[in-house]
Amino acid sequence: MSKFIIIKKNSILSYIVSLLILFVFISSIYFFFTKDQYIEAFTPVNSKNNISFDFDGDGEKDEIEVSKENNSYIINIKSKDETYSLTSKDNLALLGDSVTKWPIKIDVLDISRNNIPEIIVRLSKDKTPINYIFSWNGDKFINTFTSNDNIVGILDSNNNKTPKLLSLSSSKGDGSTKGYIFFEDKIKDITFSKPKVQGLSVIQSFIDIIEAPYELSEAPNIFTSDIDSNELAILWGLDKDNTRYSFQNGYFTDFEWDKDGNILGMNWTLSFENTKSVHDSTPSKELLLYLTVKYDGYTSLKISSIKKI
């Protein structure tokens, strides 16, 4: 026996109206979060991409707001009772350039181990890398650290050792590495101890691979044997016949250690300028790659994962 479903016209109309309302609501949210005057540029560490933290130690969640003024980035921390502007040591609120090829990046990590996280900001200014770290001193946010190196990162980020901030040049390597530790709202230079970034040579080789104006004939020995073949194939999908890549900046943290505190795993974020050939007027944009570097079980750290953003 055939069965018939009878739908009243009023029900159909109600259903259509509900869909339209839902569409408008979603569109409004999308517009709000993508309009020029407010920018989602938040990539916190170990936070599952939440944008709220207690940045001032009052027990209440605060929010980071990134905006543009005169083609420069401004960052405000919005707390329950007040809004704080993050300013450089020169008391400038314009922290760096707003350019498509080099977007601002923000990470959050409690480097001082005082249960109030530091705010790590990476961007460019006058075509040069600039890195800031902001800390809460009990009354306001202060610019604790600034550097113009194109790599910064944190070692001993979440173990029982004192976290170390390292800043260096990708081309000069370990010989250029400067090291620091945080104590409350102050920073101490430990460069005399000659800190090194484990696995840095692997990252330098990877940067060279991306910047090279040709495709690889085969993968060099900087990858683990079990790396996903689809991820490795990213290296052959960069259209180098028509595109050039130039390294801009990098950021790293460690996430795994052995019983003696030796690093077994690190995460890297590498930013490259993506420029089309000279005959193409397309503006430059960013190639953003996330790498996982892990101990290969034998002697060294190697790249175990590549994610393209």
Protein backbone atom coordinates (compact mmCIF):
# COMPACT_ATOMS: atom_id res chain seq x y z
CA MET A 1 0.00 0.00 0.00
CA SER A 2 1.31 3.44 -0.93
CA LYS A 3 1.77 5.93 1.83
CA PHE A 4 1.36 9.69 1.42
CA ILE A 5 2.85 12.39 3.57
CA ILE A 6 0.76 15.54 3.73
CA ILE A 7 2.61 18.77 4.54
CA LYS A 8 0.57 21.85 5.16
CA LYS A 9 1.49 25.03 3.28
CA ASN A 10 1.90 26.89 6.57
CA SER A 11 4.48 24.32 7.73
CA ILE A 12 6.45 24.72 4.51
CA LEU A 13 6.41 28.52 4.83
CA SER A 14 7.50 28.30 8.46
CA TYR A 15 10.36 25.97 7.49
CA ILE A 16 11.57 28.34 4.74
CA VAL A 17 11.44 31.36 7.05
CA SER A 18 13.44 29.46 9.68
CA LEU A 19 16.11 28.63 7.12
CA LEU A 20 16.32 32.26 6.02
CA ILE A 21 16.71 33.45 9.60
CA LEU A 22 19.45 30.89 10.20
CA PHE A 23 21.26 31.98 7.02
CA VAL A 24 21.14 35.66 8.02
CA PHE A 25 22.39 34.82 11.51
CA ILE A 26 25.35 32.79 10.24
CA SER A 27 26.18 35.47 7.64
CA SER A 28 26.14 38.15 10.34
CA ILE A 29 28.56 36.17 12.50
CA TYR A 30 30.87 35.60 9.52
CA PHE A 31 30.85 39.30 8.65
CA PHE A 32 31.54 40.30 12.24
CA PHE A 33 34.62 38.13 12.50
CA THR A 34 36.03 38.96 9.07
CA LYS A 35 35.53 42.69 8.76
CA ASP A 36 38.73 44.78 8.50
CA GLN A 37 38.51 46.54 11.82
CA TYR A 38 38.62 43.30 13.81
CA ILE A 39 41.04 40.52 13.00
CA GLU A 40 41.15 36.96 14.28
CA ALA A 41 44.90 36.36 14.43
CA PHE A 42 45.13 34.21 17.51
CA THR A 43 47.16 31.00 17.60
CA PRO A 44 47.68 30.21 21.28
CA VAL A 45 49.92 27.39 22.49
CA ASN A 46 48.29 24.42 24.25
CA SER A 47 44.91 26.15 24.42
CA LYS A 48 42.89 24.33 21.75
CA ASN A 49 42.48 27.70 20.02
CA ASN A 50 40.50 29.37 22.78
CA ILE A 51 40.81 33.14 22.66
CA SER A 52 40.21 33.81 26.34
CA PHE A 53 42.78 33.62 29.13
CA ASP A 54 43.31 35.18 32.51
CA PHE A 55 46.07 37.54 31.45
CA ASP A 56 46.09 39.73 34.56
CA GLY A 57 45.73 37.15 37.32
CA ASP A 58 42.36 38.35 38.64
CA GLY A 59 40.64 35.01 38.12
CA GLU A 60 38.51 36.33 35.25
CA LYS A 61 38.92 35.50 31.56
CA ASP A 62 40.27 38.31 29.36
CA GLU A 63 40.25 38.58 25.58
CA ILE A 64 42.76 39.65 22.96
CA GLU A 65 41.49 42.04 20.29
CA VAL A 66 43.61 42.77 17.21
CA SER A 67 42.76 45.79 15.07
CA LYS A 68 44.31 47.93 12.33
CA GLU A 69 45.24 51.60 12.28
CA ASN A 70 47.27 53.30 9.53
CA ASN A 71 48.10 49.88 8.06
CA SER A 72 49.58 48.80 11.39
CA TYR A 73 48.46 46.30 13.99
CA ILE A 74 47.16 47.31 17.41
CA ILE A 75 46.53 44.81 20.21
CA ASN A 76 44.21 45.40 23.15
CA ILE A 77 43.55 43.15 26.13
CA LYS A 78 39.93 43.47 27.20
CA SER A 79 39.44 42.57 30.85
CA LYS A 80 36.33 42.75 32.99
CA ASP A 81 36.85 46.34 34.07
CA GLU A 82 39.41 47.84 31.69
CA THR A 83 41.01 47.69 28.25
CA TYR A 84 44.81 47.63 28.08
CA SER A 85 46.83 48.48 24.97
CA LEU A 86 50.00 46.53 24.33
CA THR A 87 52.77 49.02 23.56
CA SER A 88 56.43 48.69 22.63
CA LYS A 89 59.27 49.84 24.86
CA ASP A 90 59.04 53.15 23.00
CA ASN A 91 55.41 53.38 24.16
CA LEU A 92 54.12 52.88 20.61
CA ALA A 93 50.79 51.11 20.12
CA LEU A 94 51.45 50.52 16.40
CA LEU A 95 53.37 47.29 16.79
CA GLY A 96 54.00 46.32 13.17
CA ASP A 97 52.84 46.35 9.58
CA SER A 98 49.51 44.92 8.44
CA VAL A 99 50.43 43.10 5.22
CA THR A 100 48.76 40.11 3.59
CA LYS A 101 52.01 38.26 2.97
CA TRP A 102 53.04 38.45 6.63
CA PRO A 103 50.02 38.38 9.01
CA ILE A 104 50.42 38.88 12.74
CA LYS A 105 50.66 35.77 14.92
CA ILE A 106 50.03 35.55 18.64
CA ASP A 107 50.89 32.72 21.01
CA VAL A 108 50.30 32.39 24.74
CA LEU A 109 52.55 30.55 27.19
CA ASP A 110 53.41 30.88 30.88
CA ILE A 111 57.17 31.36 30.43
CA SER A 112 57.61 33.00 33.84
CA ARG A 113 55.82 30.12 35.62
CA ASN A 114 53.84 32.53 37.76
CA ASN A 115 50.47 31.16 36.55
CA ILE A 116 49.91 34.26 34.41
CA PRO A 117 50.73 33.64 30.73
CA GLU A 118 53.00 35.79 28.62
CA ILE A 119 51.76 37.05 25.24
CA ILE A 120 54.13 36.29 22.35
CA VAL A 121 53.58 38.46 19.26
CA ARG A 122 55.32 37.90 15.91
CA LEU A 123 54.96 40.10 12.83
CA SER A 124 56.98 42.42 10.60
CA LYS A 125 57.90 46.08 10.73
CA ASP A 126 59.53 47.93 7.82
CA LYS A 127 59.96 44.56 6.04
CA THR A 128 61.93 43.17 9.00
CA PRO A 129 60.85 40.52 11.54
CA ILE A 130 59.92 41.81 14.96
CA ASN A 131 59.00 39.75 18.01
CA TYR A 132 57.49 40.97 21.26
CA ILE A 133 56.74 39.35 24.57
CA PHE A 134 54.32 41.09 26.92
CA SER A 135 53.99 40.32 30.63
CA TRP A 136 51.59 41.48 33.33
CA ASN A 137 53.43 43.31 36.16
CA GLY A 138 50.46 43.70 38.50
CA ASP A 139 49.27 47.01 37.09
CA LYS A 140 49.73 46.86 33.33
CA PHE A 141 51.21 44.87 30.47
CA ILE A 142 54.86 45.61 29.82
CA ASN A 143 57.00 44.83 26.77
CA THR A 144 59.43 42.44 28.46
CA PHE A 145 61.27 41.35 25.33
CA THR A 146 61.80 42.54 21.74
CA SER A 147 63.97 41.11 18.98
CA ASN A 148 64.41 41.38 15.22
CA ASP A 149 65.60 37.80 14.70
CA ASN A 150 63.58 35.66 12.31
CA ILE A 151 63.33 32.68 14.70
CA VAL A 152 62.17 32.70 18.32
CA GLY A 153 61.02 29.87 20.53
CA ILE A 154 60.68 28.35 23.96
CA LEU A 155 62.55 25.30 25.28
CA ASP A 156 61.55 23.44 28.46
CA SER A 157 58.12 24.90 27.82
CA ASN A 158 56.14 22.47 29.97
CA ASN A 159 58.46 20.28 32.01
CA ASN A 160 60.14 20.62 35.41
CA LYS A 161 62.95 22.86 34.14
CA THR A 162 63.01 26.64 33.88
CA PRO A 163 61.66 27.69 30.45
CA LYS A 164 64.23 29.29 28.15
CA LEU A 165 63.47 31.87 25.48
CA LEU A 166 65.78 31.62 22.46
CA SER A 167 66.15 34.12 19.61
CA LEU A 168 68.32 33.58 16.54
CA SER A 169 68.92 34.06 12.82
CA SER A 170 67.95 31.17 10.54
CA SER A 171 70.92 31.79 8.24
CA LYS A 172 73.53 32.18 10.99
CA GLY A 173 72.32 29.25 13.10
CA ASP A 174 73.36 28.37 16.64
CA GLY A 175 76.23 30.85 16.60
CA SER A 176 73.66 33.66 16.65
CA THR A 177 71.45 32.19 19.39
CA LYS A 178 70.66 34.43 22.33
CA GLY A 179 69.08 32.92 25.43
CA TYR A 180 66.92 34.32 28.24
CA ILE A 181 64.96 33.16 31.28
CA PHE A 182 62.08 34.95 32.96
CA PHE A 183 61.85 35.79 36.63
CA GLU A 184 58.53 37.41 37.57
CA ASP A 185 58.32 40.48 35.28
CA LYS A 186 62.04 40.64 34.50
CA ILE A 187 64.23 38.82 32.01
CA LYS A 188 67.80 37.54 32.46
CA ASP A 189 70.27 37.07 29.62
CA ILE A 190 71.84 33.57 29.61
CA THR A 191 73.55 33.79 26.22
CA PHE A 192 76.89 33.15 27.96
CA SER A 193 75.76 29.52 28.43
CA LYS A 194 75.72 29.11 24.62
CA PRO A 195 72.19 27.71 24.28
CA LYS A 196 71.34 25.69 21.19
CA VAL A 197 68.16 24.72 19.39
CA GLN A 198 68.06 20.94 19.03
CA GLY A 199 67.38 19.85 15.48
CA LEU A 200 68.04 23.31 14.06
CA SER A 201 70.05 21.94 11.14
CA VAL A 202 66.99 19.94 10.05
CA ILE A 203 64.87 23.11 10.04
CA GLN A 204 67.57 25.03 8.15
CA SER A 205 67.65 22.29 5.51
CA PHE A 206 63.85 22.36 5.26
CA ILE A 207 63.88 26.14 4.77
CA ASP A 208 66.46 25.70 2.02
CA ILE A 209 64.19 23.13 0.33
CA ILE A 210 61.21 25.49 0.30
CA GLU A 211 63.29 28.46 -0.91
CA ALA A 212 65.06 26.50 -3.66
CA PRO A 213 63.77 27.56 -7.14
CA TYR A 214 63.32 23.94 -8.24
CA GLU A 215 61.55 20.75 -7.18
CA LEU A 216 63.39 18.02 -5.29
CA SER A 217 64.42 14.88 -7.11
CA GLU A 218 64.09 12.95 -3.84
CA ALA A 219 63.47 13.68 -0.17
CA PRO A 220 66.65 14.34 1.85
CA ASN A 221 67.40 12.54 5.09
CA ILE A 222 65.64 15.03 7.35
CA PHE A 223 62.31 13.19 7.58
CA THR A 224 61.31 10.22 9.73
CA SER A 225 60.68 6.96 7.90
CA ASP A 226 57.02 6.94 8.95
CA ILE A 227 56.07 10.45 7.78
CA ASP A 228 52.74 10.46 5.93
CA SER A 229 53.37 10.30 2.18
CA ASN A 230 50.52 12.77 1.54
CA GLU A 231 52.19 15.29 3.83
CA LEU A 232 55.58 14.74 2.22
CA ALA A 233 53.97 15.32 -1.17
CA ILE A 234 53.44 18.96 -0.15
CA LEU A 235 57.06 19.54 -1.15
CA TRP A 236 56.23 18.64 -4.75
CA GLY A 237 53.05 20.70 -4.90
CA LEU A 238 54.45 24.21 -4.55
CA ASP A 239 54.34 25.15 -8.26
CA LYS A 240 57.95 26.31 -8.30
CA ASP A 241 57.88 26.88 -12.04
CA ASN A 242 55.70 29.92 -11.36
CA THR A 243 56.26 30.68 -7.68
CA ARG A 244 59.13 31.71 -5.44
CA TYR A 245 59.28 31.32 -1.66
CA SER A 246 61.23 33.40 0.83
CA PHE A 247 61.49 32.56 4.54
CA GLN A 248 59.99 35.22 6.81
CA ASN A 249 59.96 33.94 10.38
CA GLY A 250 59.64 30.87 12.58
CA TYR A 251 58.49 29.89 16.05
CA PHE A 252 59.05 26.70 18.05
CA THR A 253 58.20 25.01 21.33
CA ASP A 254 59.14 21.61 22.68
CA PHE A 255 56.46 19.21 23.90
CA GLU A 256 58.11 15.88 24.79
CA TRP A 257 61.20 14.91 26.82
CA ASP A 258 62.91 11.80 28.15
CA LYS A 259 63.56 11.13 31.84
CA ASP A 260 66.78 13.15 31.66
CA GLY A 261 65.07 16.17 30.14
CA ASN A 262 66.38 15.65 26.60
CA ILE A 263 63.98 16.85 23.92
CA LEU A 264 62.05 14.16 22.04
CA GLY A 265 59.52 16.35 20.24
CA MET A 266 59.12 19.94 18.99
CA ASN A 267 56.50 21.93 17.10
CA TRP A 268 57.55 24.53 14.53
CA THR A 269 55.60 27.20 12.66
CA LEU A 270 57.37 28.49 9.54
CA SER A 271 56.17 31.45 7.47
CA PHE A 272 57.23 32.03 3.85
CA GLU A 273 56.42 34.79 1.40
CA ASN A 274 54.71 33.26 -1.64
CA THR A 275 55.43 35.34 -4.76
CA LYS A 276 54.28 34.59 -8.28
CA SER A 277 56.58 35.02 -11.30
CA VAL A 278 57.60 38.50 -12.45
CA HIS A 279 54.96 38.46 -15.18
CA ASP A 280 52.14 37.84 -12.71
CA SER A 281 50.63 40.85 -10.94
CA THR A 282 49.07 38.73 -8.16
CA PRO A 283 50.04 40.20 -4.75
CA SER A 284 52.35 38.14 -2.58
CA LYS A 285 50.72 36.01 0.08
CA GLU A 286 51.85 33.73 2.90
CA LEU A 287 52.70 30.04 2.89
CA LEU A 288 52.36 28.81 6.46
CA LEU A 289 53.73 25.38 7.39
CA TYR A 290 53.40 23.55 10.69
CA LEU A 291 56.09 20.95 11.37
CA THR A 292 56.40 18.29 14.05
CA VAL A 293 59.97 17.27 14.75
CA LYS A 294 60.51 14.07 16.75
CA TYR A 295 63.37 11.87 17.89
CA ASP A 296 63.86 9.22 15.23
CA GLY A 297 64.73 6.48 17.72
CA TYR A 298 68.39 6.48 16.77
CA THR A 299 70.48 9.61 16.95
CA SER A 300 68.61 12.77 16.01
CA LEU A 301 65.45 14.81 15.63
CA LYS A 302 63.72 14.61 12.25
CA ILE A 303 60.55 15.99 10.70
CA SER A 304 57.65 13.59 11.31
CA SER A 305 54.76 15.76 10.06
CA ILE A 306 54.10 18.68 7.69
CA LYS A 307 50.83 20.59 7.68
CA LYS A 308 50.11 23.28 5.08
CA ILE A 309 47.84 26.17 6.05
